[in-house]
Amino acid sequence: MINEGVDMDGKFVEENGVYQIDCSKAVWATDEIHEVYHKAGVQLKDCDFLVEDNDSLYLVEYKNANIINAENPTAFKPEEDKMLNKVVQKFYDSLHYLYLTEKKKPIEYIYVLEYPNGDIVTRKRLRNKMKQRLPFELQNSVGMGKKLIEKVEVLSIEEWNAHEKYGMFPITQVAVV
């Protein structure tokens, strides 16, 4: 976690140890939600990283089935309902952490996704499916101006790094496998 001098380099390595996200330019960032939920004994799912800049909070879910040591990458089907529901649930369950840490900036949910045969068309289709399951319509109907989410994106690592805002927190390879 980057907060009040903890983990000063601000780089978080993803679970496979192949890529990292550099949050050294963030106002605040953490990769600790999973550990916090586990220690608390709650059965909640979590996003991999939370990153805060001056304007927004980014909930980042990262999945890379293109790395050499990925388990059965050809069986990874991110558009299937079961997998899609898991990714969406991570957004909802991560809201508890944000509430308890009093993080109140506009929230963007970004799914950084690499998988065999993934392309911009499939990522946009996946984003649209996620948008239907996330609380956009709910906040329009009962939000009274309050929002749980501003935006959802599904991006490749290259698209993330090229993005005007997200690229401030580059994802880079740190290990060769």
N, C-alpha and C. Protein backbone atom coordinates (compact mmCIF):
# COMPACT_ATOMS: atom_id res chain seq x y z
N MET A 1 0.85 -1.18 0.00
CA MET A 1 0.00 0.00 0.00
C MET A 1 0.89 1.23 0.00
N ILE A 2 0.54 2.23 -0.80
CA ILE A 2 1.19 3.52 -0.72
C ILE A 2 0.26 4.38 0.10
N ASN A 3 0.70 4.80 1.22
CA ASN A 3 -0.10 5.67 2.06
C ASN A 3 0.76 6.04 3.24
N GLU A 4 1.01 7.32 3.40
CA GLU A 4 1.78 7.81 4.53
C GLU A 4 3.13 7.09 4.66
N GLY A 5 3.84 6.96 3.51
CA GLY A 5 5.19 6.45 3.55
C GLY A 5 5.35 4.94 3.47
N VAL A 6 4.27 4.20 3.36
CA VAL A 6 4.38 2.75 3.28
C VAL A 6 4.63 2.36 1.82
N ASP A 7 5.52 1.41 1.59
CA ASP A 7 5.87 0.92 0.26
C ASP A 7 6.23 2.08 -0.67
N MET A 8 7.31 2.73 -0.34
CA MET A 8 7.69 3.98 -0.99
C MET A 8 7.89 3.88 -2.50
N ASP A 9 8.24 2.72 -3.03
CA ASP A 9 8.45 2.68 -4.47
C ASP A 9 7.15 2.66 -5.25
N GLY A 10 6.07 2.25 -4.63
CA GLY A 10 4.76 2.32 -5.27
C GLY A 10 4.55 1.37 -6.42
N LYS A 11 5.30 0.31 -6.49
CA LYS A 11 5.15 -0.66 -7.57
C LYS A 11 4.57 -1.94 -7.00
N PHE A 12 3.52 -2.40 -7.64
CA PHE A 12 2.84 -3.61 -7.20
C PHE A 12 2.96 -4.67 -8.29
N VAL A 13 3.45 -5.83 -7.91
CA VAL A 13 3.62 -6.93 -8.85
C VAL A 13 2.37 -7.79 -8.81
N GLU A 14 1.87 -8.14 -9.99
CA GLU A 14 0.65 -8.97 -10.06
C GLU A 14 0.97 -10.39 -9.59
N GLU A 15 -0.07 -11.18 -9.34
CA GLU A 15 0.06 -12.46 -8.67
C GLU A 15 0.99 -13.47 -9.35
N ASN A 16 1.18 -13.38 -10.65
CA ASN A 16 2.07 -14.31 -11.35
C ASN A 16 3.53 -13.85 -11.32
N GLY A 17 3.77 -12.63 -10.86
CA GLY A 17 5.13 -12.11 -10.76
C GLY A 17 5.76 -11.72 -12.08
N VAL A 18 4.95 -11.55 -13.12
CA VAL A 18 5.48 -11.26 -14.45
C VAL A 18 5.36 -9.77 -14.79
N TYR A 19 4.28 -9.13 -14.36
CA TYR A 19 4.04 -7.72 -14.65
C TYR A 19 3.87 -6.95 -13.35
N GLN A 20 4.12 -5.65 -13.43
CA GLN A 20 3.89 -4.77 -12.29
C GLN A 20 3.18 -3.51 -12.76
N ILE A 21 2.49 -2.87 -11.84
CA ILE A 21 1.89 -1.56 -12.09
C ILE A 21 2.64 -0.57 -11.22
N ASP A 22 3.07 0.51 -11.84
CA ASP A 22 3.85 1.53 -11.14
C ASP A 22 2.91 2.65 -10.69
N CYS A 23 2.62 2.67 -9.41
CA CYS A 23 1.71 3.66 -8.84
C CYS A 23 2.47 4.75 -8.09
N SER A 24 3.74 4.94 -8.42
CA SER A 24 4.54 5.92 -7.70
C SER A 24 4.05 7.35 -7.90
N LYS A 25 3.28 7.61 -8.96
CA LYS A 25 2.74 8.95 -9.19
C LYS A 25 1.31 9.10 -8.64
N ALA A 26 0.83 8.08 -7.97
CA ALA A 26 -0.53 8.12 -7.43
C ALA A 26 -0.59 8.96 -6.15
N VAL A 27 -1.74 9.53 -5.89
CA VAL A 27 -1.99 10.19 -4.61
C VAL A 27 -2.00 9.13 -3.51
N TRP A 28 -2.56 7.98 -3.86
CA TRP A 28 -2.69 6.83 -2.94
C TRP A 28 -2.93 5.61 -3.80
N ALA A 29 -2.45 4.47 -3.36
CA ALA A 29 -2.69 3.21 -4.07
C ALA A 29 -2.52 2.05 -3.11
N THR A 30 -3.16 0.94 -3.44
CA THR A 30 -3.01 -0.25 -2.62
C THR A 30 -3.26 -1.50 -3.45
N ASP A 31 -2.68 -2.58 -2.98
CA ASP A 31 -2.95 -3.90 -3.51
C ASP A 31 -3.34 -4.83 -2.37
N GLU A 32 -3.73 -4.27 -1.24
CA GLU A 32 -3.93 -5.02 -0.01
C GLU A 32 -5.36 -5.52 0.24
N ILE A 33 -6.31 -5.24 -0.60
CA ILE A 33 -7.70 -5.57 -0.29
C ILE A 33 -7.87 -7.06 -0.01
N HIS A 34 -7.29 -7.88 -0.86
CA HIS A 34 -7.43 -9.33 -0.67
C HIS A 34 -6.97 -9.75 0.72
N GLU A 35 -5.80 -9.26 1.11
CA GLU A 35 -5.24 -9.59 2.42
C GLU A 35 -6.14 -9.08 3.55
N VAL A 36 -6.63 -7.88 3.42
CA VAL A 36 -7.51 -7.29 4.45
C VAL A 36 -8.79 -8.11 4.58
N TYR A 37 -9.41 -8.46 3.46
CA TYR A 37 -10.64 -9.25 3.49
C TYR A 37 -10.38 -10.63 4.10
N HIS A 38 -9.26 -11.24 3.71
CA HIS A 38 -8.91 -12.56 4.23
C HIS A 38 -8.72 -12.52 5.75
N LYS A 39 -7.95 -11.56 6.23
CA LYS A 39 -7.72 -11.43 7.68
C LYS A 39 -9.01 -11.18 8.45
N ALA A 40 -9.94 -10.46 7.83
CA ALA A 40 -11.21 -10.15 8.48
C ALA A 40 -12.18 -11.33 8.44
N GLY A 41 -11.85 -12.34 7.64
CA GLY A 41 -12.71 -13.52 7.54
C GLY A 41 -13.99 -13.30 6.76
N VAL A 42 -13.99 -12.30 5.88
CA VAL A 42 -15.18 -12.04 5.08
C VAL A 42 -15.05 -12.70 3.72
N GLN A 43 -16.15 -13.14 3.19
CA GLN A 43 -16.18 -13.83 1.90
C GLN A 43 -16.49 -12.85 0.78
N LEU A 44 -15.61 -11.88 0.61
CA LEU A 44 -15.79 -10.88 -0.43
C LEU A 44 -14.70 -11.02 -1.47
N LYS A 45 -15.03 -10.70 -2.70
CA LYS A 45 -14.05 -10.70 -3.78
C LYS A 45 -13.44 -9.31 -3.83
N ASP A 46 -12.30 -9.17 -4.49
CA ASP A 46 -11.63 -7.87 -4.48
C ASP A 46 -10.95 -7.59 -5.81
N CYS A 47 -10.84 -6.31 -6.12
CA CYS A 47 -10.05 -5.88 -7.27
C CYS A 47 -8.58 -6.00 -6.92
N ASP A 48 -7.75 -6.16 -7.91
CA ASP A 48 -6.32 -6.34 -7.68
C ASP A 48 -5.63 -5.09 -7.16
N PHE A 49 -6.00 -3.94 -7.71
CA PHE A 49 -5.33 -2.69 -7.34
C PHE A 49 -6.35 -1.56 -7.23
N LEU A 50 -6.10 -0.66 -6.31
CA LEU A 50 -6.85 0.60 -6.22
C LEU A 50 -5.82 1.70 -6.40
N VAL A 51 -6.12 2.63 -7.28
CA VAL A 51 -5.20 3.72 -7.57
C VAL A 51 -5.99 5.02 -7.52
N GLU A 52 -5.45 6.00 -6.82
CA GLU A 52 -6.12 7.29 -6.71
C GLU A 52 -5.22 8.37 -7.30
N ASP A 53 -5.82 9.22 -8.14
CA ASP A 53 -5.11 10.41 -8.59
C ASP A 53 -5.86 11.62 -8.02
N ASN A 54 -5.57 12.80 -8.51
CA ASN A 54 -6.21 14.00 -7.95
C ASN A 54 -7.71 14.06 -8.18
N ASP A 55 -8.20 13.36 -9.21
CA ASP A 55 -9.60 13.48 -9.59
C ASP A 55 -10.44 12.23 -9.36
N SER A 56 -9.83 11.05 -9.40
CA SER A 56 -10.60 9.82 -9.46
C SER A 56 -9.95 8.69 -8.69
N LEU A 57 -10.76 7.64 -8.49
CA LEU A 57 -10.29 6.36 -7.96
C LEU A 57 -10.43 5.34 -9.08
N TYR A 58 -9.39 4.55 -9.29
CA TYR A 58 -9.42 3.52 -10.32
C TYR A 58 -9.37 2.17 -9.65
N LEU A 59 -10.42 1.38 -9.83
CA LEU A 59 -10.43 0.00 -9.37
C LEU A 59 -9.94 -0.81 -10.56
N VAL A 60 -8.82 -1.49 -10.38
CA VAL A 60 -8.17 -2.18 -11.49
C VAL A 60 -8.17 -3.68 -11.24
N GLU A 61 -8.79 -4.40 -12.16
CA GLU A 61 -8.75 -5.85 -12.15
C GLU A 61 -7.83 -6.25 -13.30
N TYR A 62 -6.87 -7.12 -13.02
CA TYR A 62 -5.86 -7.51 -13.99
C TYR A 62 -5.92 -9.02 -14.23
N LYS A 63 -5.96 -9.41 -15.50
CA LYS A 63 -5.94 -10.83 -15.85
C LYS A 63 -5.12 -10.98 -17.12
N ASN A 64 -4.14 -11.88 -17.07
CA ASN A 64 -3.29 -12.10 -18.23
C ASN A 64 -3.15 -13.59 -18.49
N ALA A 65 -3.88 -14.06 -19.48
CA ALA A 65 -3.80 -15.47 -19.87
C ALA A 65 -2.82 -15.67 -21.01
N ASN A 66 -2.08 -14.63 -21.37
CA ASN A 66 -1.09 -14.73 -22.44
C ASN A 66 0.31 -15.03 -21.94
N ILE A 67 0.51 -15.05 -20.64
CA ILE A 67 1.84 -15.34 -20.13
C ILE A 67 2.11 -16.84 -20.23
N ILE A 68 3.36 -17.19 -20.30
CA ILE A 68 3.75 -18.59 -20.51
C ILE A 68 3.23 -19.52 -19.42
N ASN A 69 3.28 -19.09 -18.17
CA ASN A 69 2.85 -19.98 -17.08
C ASN A 69 1.37 -19.86 -16.74
N ALA A 70 0.58 -19.26 -17.62
CA ALA A 70 -0.87 -19.17 -17.38
C ALA A 70 -1.47 -20.57 -17.44
N GLU A 71 -2.41 -20.81 -16.52
CA GLU A 71 -3.07 -22.11 -16.49
C GLU A 71 -4.08 -22.21 -17.62
N ASN A 72 -3.87 -23.13 -18.53
CA ASN A 72 -4.79 -23.44 -19.62
C ASN A 72 -5.36 -22.18 -20.29
N PRO A 73 -4.53 -21.36 -20.93
CA PRO A 73 -5.00 -20.10 -21.51
C PRO A 73 -6.08 -20.24 -22.56
N THR A 74 -6.08 -21.35 -23.30
CA THR A 74 -7.11 -21.51 -24.33
C THR A 74 -8.48 -21.78 -23.72
N ALA A 75 -8.53 -22.21 -22.48
CA ALA A 75 -9.81 -22.44 -21.80
C ALA A 75 -10.36 -21.17 -21.16
N PHE A 76 -9.56 -20.12 -21.11
CA PHE A 76 -9.99 -18.86 -20.50
C PHE A 76 -10.97 -18.17 -21.43
N LYS A 77 -12.19 -18.00 -20.98
CA LYS A 77 -13.27 -17.41 -21.77
C LYS A 77 -13.88 -16.24 -21.00
N PRO A 78 -13.30 -15.04 -21.13
CA PRO A 78 -13.75 -13.91 -20.33
C PRO A 78 -15.17 -13.44 -20.60
N GLU A 79 -15.74 -13.81 -21.75
CA GLU A 79 -17.10 -13.38 -22.06
C GLU A 79 -18.18 -14.33 -21.53
N GLU A 80 -17.78 -15.47 -21.01
CA GLU A 80 -18.77 -16.39 -20.45
C GLU A 80 -19.37 -15.79 -19.18
N ASP A 81 -20.65 -16.05 -18.97
CA ASP A 81 -21.37 -15.45 -17.85
C ASP A 81 -20.70 -15.68 -16.50
N LYS A 82 -20.24 -16.88 -16.25
CA LYS A 82 -19.64 -17.19 -14.95
C LYS A 82 -18.41 -16.31 -14.70
N MET A 83 -17.53 -16.20 -15.67
CA MET A 83 -16.33 -15.38 -15.53
C MET A 83 -16.69 -13.89 -15.46
N LEU A 84 -17.59 -13.48 -16.29
CA LEU A 84 -18.02 -12.08 -16.30
C LEU A 84 -18.64 -11.68 -14.96
N ASN A 85 -19.46 -12.57 -14.40
CA ASN A 85 -20.07 -12.28 -13.11
C ASN A 85 -19.03 -12.15 -12.00
N LYS A 86 -17.98 -12.95 -12.05
CA LYS A 86 -16.90 -12.86 -11.05
C LYS A 86 -16.21 -11.50 -11.13
N VAL A 87 -15.93 -11.04 -12.33
CA VAL A 87 -15.25 -9.76 -12.51
C VAL A 87 -16.14 -8.61 -12.05
N VAL A 88 -17.42 -8.68 -12.36
CA VAL A 88 -18.35 -7.64 -11.92
C VAL A 88 -18.49 -7.66 -10.40
N GLN A 89 -18.55 -8.85 -9.82
CA GLN A 89 -18.67 -8.96 -8.36
C GLN A 89 -17.50 -8.31 -7.64
N LYS A 90 -16.33 -8.36 -8.23
CA LYS A 90 -15.15 -7.74 -7.62
C LYS A 90 -15.34 -6.23 -7.48
N PHE A 91 -16.01 -5.62 -8.43
CA PHE A 91 -16.31 -4.19 -8.30
C PHE A 91 -17.20 -3.95 -7.09
N TYR A 92 -18.32 -4.66 -7.05
CA TYR A 92 -19.27 -4.45 -5.96
C TYR A 92 -18.64 -4.71 -4.59
N ASP A 93 -17.90 -5.79 -4.47
CA ASP A 93 -17.30 -6.14 -3.18
C ASP A 93 -16.18 -5.18 -2.78
N SER A 94 -15.51 -4.58 -3.73
CA SER A 94 -14.45 -3.62 -3.41
C SER A 94 -15.01 -2.30 -2.89
N LEU A 95 -16.27 -2.03 -3.15
CA LEU A 95 -16.89 -0.80 -2.64
C LEU A 95 -16.89 -0.76 -1.11
N HIS A 96 -16.97 -1.92 -0.48
CA HIS A 96 -16.94 -1.96 0.99
C HIS A 96 -15.62 -1.38 1.51
N TYR A 97 -14.53 -1.77 0.89
CA TYR A 97 -13.21 -1.27 1.29
C TYR A 97 -13.14 0.24 1.10
N LEU A 98 -13.62 0.72 -0.04
CA LEU A 98 -13.59 2.17 -0.30
C LEU A 98 -14.42 2.93 0.73
N TYR A 99 -15.58 2.39 1.07
CA TYR A 99 -16.44 3.03 2.06
C TYR A 99 -15.74 3.10 3.42
N LEU A 100 -15.17 2.00 3.83
CA LEU A 100 -14.53 1.95 5.15
C LEU A 100 -13.25 2.78 5.23
N THR A 101 -12.60 3.01 4.10
CA THR A 101 -11.41 3.86 4.08
C THR A 101 -11.75 5.30 3.72
N GLU A 102 -13.03 5.57 3.60
CA GLU A 102 -13.55 6.92 3.32
C GLU A 102 -13.01 7.52 2.03
N LYS A 103 -12.86 6.69 1.03
CA LYS A 103 -12.46 7.15 -0.30
C LYS A 103 -13.73 7.53 -1.06
N LYS A 104 -13.82 8.78 -1.47
CA LYS A 104 -15.09 9.28 -2.01
C LYS A 104 -14.99 9.95 -3.37
N LYS A 105 -13.92 9.75 -4.08
CA LYS A 105 -13.79 10.34 -5.41
C LYS A 105 -14.57 9.51 -6.42
N PRO A 106 -14.86 10.08 -7.59
CA PRO A 106 -15.51 9.31 -8.65
C PRO A 106 -14.71 8.05 -8.97
N ILE A 107 -15.44 6.95 -9.23
CA ILE A 107 -14.82 5.64 -9.42
C ILE A 107 -14.91 5.19 -10.88
N GLU A 108 -13.78 4.73 -11.38
CA GLU A 108 -13.72 4.09 -12.69
C GLU A 108 -13.23 2.67 -12.47
N TYR A 109 -13.91 1.72 -13.12
CA TYR A 109 -13.52 0.31 -13.02
C TYR A 109 -12.84 -0.08 -14.32
N ILE A 110 -11.59 -0.52 -14.23
CA ILE A 110 -10.84 -0.88 -15.42
C ILE A 110 -10.39 -2.33 -15.31
N TYR A 111 -10.76 -3.09 -16.31
CA TYR A 111 -10.37 -4.50 -16.41
C TYR A 111 -9.26 -4.56 -17.45
N VAL A 112 -8.02 -4.76 -16.99
CA VAL A 112 -6.88 -4.91 -17.89
C VAL A 112 -6.80 -6.38 -18.23
N LEU A 113 -6.99 -6.68 -19.50
CA LEU A 113 -7.20 -8.05 -19.93
C LEU A 113 -6.34 -8.43 -21.12
N GLU A 114 -5.60 -9.50 -20.96
CA GLU A 114 -4.81 -10.09 -22.04
C GLU A 114 -5.18 -11.56 -22.11
N TYR A 115 -5.55 -12.03 -23.30
CA TYR A 115 -5.87 -13.44 -23.47
C TYR A 115 -5.76 -13.83 -24.94
N PRO A 116 -5.58 -15.11 -25.22
CA PRO A 116 -5.46 -15.54 -26.61
C PRO A 116 -6.67 -15.10 -27.44
N ASN A 117 -6.40 -14.56 -28.58
CA ASN A 117 -7.41 -14.08 -29.53
C ASN A 117 -8.18 -12.86 -29.02
N GLY A 118 -7.71 -12.22 -27.97
CA GLY A 118 -8.34 -10.99 -27.50
C GLY A 118 -7.97 -9.85 -28.43
N ASP A 119 -8.95 -9.01 -28.73
CA ASP A 119 -8.69 -7.84 -29.57
C ASP A 119 -9.61 -6.71 -29.12
N ILE A 120 -9.47 -5.57 -29.76
CA ILE A 120 -10.25 -4.41 -29.34
C ILE A 120 -11.75 -4.65 -29.46
N VAL A 121 -12.17 -5.40 -30.45
CA VAL A 121 -13.60 -5.68 -30.64
C VAL A 121 -14.15 -6.53 -29.50
N THR A 122 -13.43 -7.58 -29.14
CA THR A 122 -13.92 -8.43 -28.04
C THR A 122 -13.86 -7.69 -26.71
N ARG A 123 -12.85 -6.83 -26.53
CA ARG A 123 -12.77 -6.07 -25.28
C ARG A 123 -13.92 -5.06 -25.18
N LYS A 124 -14.28 -4.42 -26.28
CA LYS A 124 -15.41 -3.47 -26.25
C LYS A 124 -16.73 -4.22 -26.02
N ARG A 125 -16.87 -5.38 -26.62
CA ARG A 125 -18.08 -6.18 -26.39
C ARG A 125 -18.17 -6.59 -24.92
N LEU A 126 -17.05 -6.98 -24.36
CA LEU A 126 -17.00 -7.36 -22.95
C LEU A 126 -17.33 -6.15 -22.06
N ARG A 127 -16.77 -5.00 -22.39
CA ARG A 127 -17.07 -3.78 -21.64
C ARG A 127 -18.57 -3.49 -21.65
N ASN A 128 -19.20 -3.64 -22.79
CA ASN A 128 -20.63 -3.38 -22.90
C ASN A 128 -21.45 -4.36 -22.05
N LYS A 129 -21.03 -5.61 -22.02
CA LYS A 129 -21.70 -6.60 -21.16
C LYS A 129 -21.53 -6.25 -19.69
N MET A 130 -20.32 -5.82 -19.33
CA MET A 130 -20.07 -5.44 -17.94
C MET A 130 -20.93 -4.23 -17.56
N LYS A 131 -21.02 -3.28 -18.47
CA LYS A 131 -21.79 -2.05 -18.20
C LYS A 131 -23.25 -2.38 -17.86
N GLN A 132 -23.80 -3.39 -18.49
CA GLN A 132 -25.18 -3.80 -18.21
C GLN A 132 -25.32 -4.39 -16.81
N ARG A 133 -24.26 -4.96 -16.26
CA ARG A 133 -24.31 -5.62 -14.95
C ARG A 133 -23.83 -4.72 -13.81
N LEU A 134 -23.22 -3.63 -14.15
CA LEU A 134 -22.74 -2.68 -13.14
C LEU A 134 -23.86 -1.66 -12.86
N PRO A 135 -23.77 -0.87 -11.79
CA PRO A 135 -24.91 -0.08 -11.32
C PRO A 135 -25.18 1.23 -12.06
N PHE A 136 -24.89 1.30 -13.34
CA PHE A 136 -25.16 2.53 -14.09
C PHE A 136 -26.65 2.86 -14.11
N GLU A 137 -27.47 1.89 -14.46
CA GLU A 137 -28.91 2.15 -14.54
C GLU A 137 -29.50 2.38 -13.15
N LEU A 138 -29.02 1.66 -12.16
CA LEU A 138 -29.48 1.84 -10.79
C LEU A 138 -29.22 3.27 -10.31
N GLN A 139 -28.03 3.77 -10.52
CA GLN A 139 -27.72 5.12 -10.06
C GLN A 139 -28.50 6.17 -10.85
N ASN A 140 -28.87 5.87 -12.09
CA ASN A 140 -29.70 6.80 -12.86
C ASN A 140 -31.12 6.86 -12.32
N SER A 141 -31.61 5.72 -11.85
CA SER A 141 -33.00 5.69 -11.40
C SER A 141 -33.20 6.09 -9.94
N VAL A 142 -32.24 5.81 -9.07
CA VAL A 142 -32.43 6.14 -7.64
C VAL A 142 -31.26 6.92 -7.04
N GLY A 143 -30.30 7.30 -7.83
CA GLY A 143 -29.08 7.89 -7.30
C GLY A 143 -29.21 9.31 -6.78
N MET A 144 -30.23 10.03 -7.17
CA MET A 144 -30.41 11.43 -6.77
C MET A 144 -29.10 12.21 -6.91
N GLY A 145 -28.41 11.98 -8.02
CA GLY A 145 -27.16 12.67 -8.29
C GLY A 145 -25.93 11.94 -7.78
N LYS A 146 -26.10 10.97 -6.89
CA LYS A 146 -24.97 10.19 -6.38
C LYS A 146 -24.62 9.10 -7.38
N LYS A 147 -23.34 8.78 -7.44
CA LYS A 147 -22.90 7.74 -8.36
C LYS A 147 -22.00 6.75 -7.65
N LEU A 148 -22.19 5.48 -7.98
CA LEU A 148 -21.30 4.42 -7.50
C LEU A 148 -20.16 4.20 -8.49
N ILE A 149 -20.40 4.55 -9.75
CA ILE A 149 -19.41 4.32 -10.80
C ILE A 149 -19.58 5.38 -11.88
N GLU A 150 -18.46 5.83 -12.40
CA GLU A 150 -18.47 6.82 -13.48
C GLU A 150 -18.29 6.16 -14.84
N LYS A 151 -17.45 5.11 -14.86
CA LYS A 151 -17.02 4.57 -16.14
C LYS A 151 -16.50 3.16 -15.96
N VAL A 152 -16.62 2.34 -16.98
CA VAL A 152 -16.01 1.02 -17.01
C VAL A 152 -15.25 0.89 -18.33
N GLU A 153 -14.08 0.28 -18.24
CA GLU A 153 -13.24 0.05 -19.42
C GLU A 153 -12.68 -1.36 -19.38
N VAL A 154 -12.48 -1.94 -20.56
CA VAL A 154 -11.74 -3.19 -20.70
C VAL A 154 -10.62 -2.89 -21.69
N LEU A 155 -9.39 -2.98 -21.21
CA LEU A 155 -8.24 -2.56 -22.01
C LEU A 155 -7.13 -3.61 -22.00
N SER A 156 -6.36 -3.62 -23.05
CA SER A 156 -5.12 -4.41 -23.06
C SER A 156 -4.08 -3.62 -22.28
N ILE A 157 -2.95 -4.25 -22.00
CA ILE A 157 -1.86 -3.54 -21.34
C ILE A 157 -1.41 -2.36 -22.21
N GLU A 158 -1.29 -2.59 -23.49
CA GLU A 158 -0.87 -1.52 -24.41
C GLU A 158 -1.86 -0.35 -24.38
N GLU A 159 -3.16 -0.64 -24.39
CA GLU A 159 -4.17 0.42 -24.33
C GLU A 159 -4.12 1.16 -23.00
N TRP A 160 -3.93 0.42 -21.91
CA TRP A 160 -3.79 1.04 -20.58
C TRP A 160 -2.61 2.02 -20.59
N ASN A 161 -1.46 1.55 -21.05
CA ASN A 161 -0.26 2.38 -21.02
C ASN A 161 -0.36 3.60 -21.93
N ALA A 162 -1.13 3.51 -23.01
CA ALA A 162 -1.29 4.62 -23.94
C ALA A 162 -2.37 5.61 -23.50
N HIS A 163 -3.17 5.23 -22.52
CA HIS A 163 -4.29 6.07 -22.07
C HIS A 163 -3.77 7.34 -21.39
N GLU A 164 -4.44 8.44 -21.62
CA GLU A 164 -4.04 9.74 -21.07
C GLU A 164 -3.92 9.72 -19.54
N LYS A 165 -4.87 9.12 -18.85
CA LYS A 165 -4.85 9.09 -17.38
C LYS A 165 -4.20 7.83 -16.84
N TYR A 166 -4.64 6.67 -17.29
CA TYR A 166 -4.15 5.40 -16.74
C TYR A 166 -2.67 5.20 -17.02
N GLY A 167 -2.20 5.71 -18.14
CA GLY A 167 -0.80 5.56 -18.53
C GLY A 167 0.17 6.19 -17.53
N MET A 168 -0.33 7.03 -16.64
CA MET A 168 0.51 7.60 -15.58
C MET A 168 0.97 6.52 -14.62
N PHE A 169 0.31 5.36 -14.69
CA PHE A 169 0.59 4.22 -13.81
C PHE A 169 0.90 3.02 -14.71
N PRO A 170 2.05 3.04 -15.37
CA PRO A 170 2.33 2.04 -16.40
C PRO A 170 2.41 0.61 -15.87
N ILE A 171 1.97 -0.29 -16.71
CA ILE A 171 2.10 -1.72 -16.45
C ILE A 171 3.24 -2.22 -17.33
N THR A 172 4.25 -2.81 -16.67
CA THR A 172 5.42 -3.28 -17.41
C THR A 172 5.82 -4.67 -16.98
N GLN A 173 6.48 -5.35 -17.87
CA GLN A 173 6.96 -6.70 -17.58
C GLN A 173 8.19 -6.60 -16.69
N VAL A 174 8.23 -7.44 -15.66
CA VAL A 174 9.37 -7.43 -14.73
C VAL A 174 10.11 -8.76 -14.70
N ALA A 175 9.51 -9.79 -15.27
CA ALA A 175 10.14 -11.10 -15.26
C ALA A 175 9.91 -11.78 -16.61
N VAL A 176 10.86 -12.55 -17.02
CA VAL A 176 10.72 -13.33 -18.24
C VAL A 176 10.43 -14.75 -17.81
N VAL A 177 9.38 -15.31 -18.36
CA VAL A 177 9.03 -16.70 -18.02
C VAL A 177 8.95 -17.53 -19.27
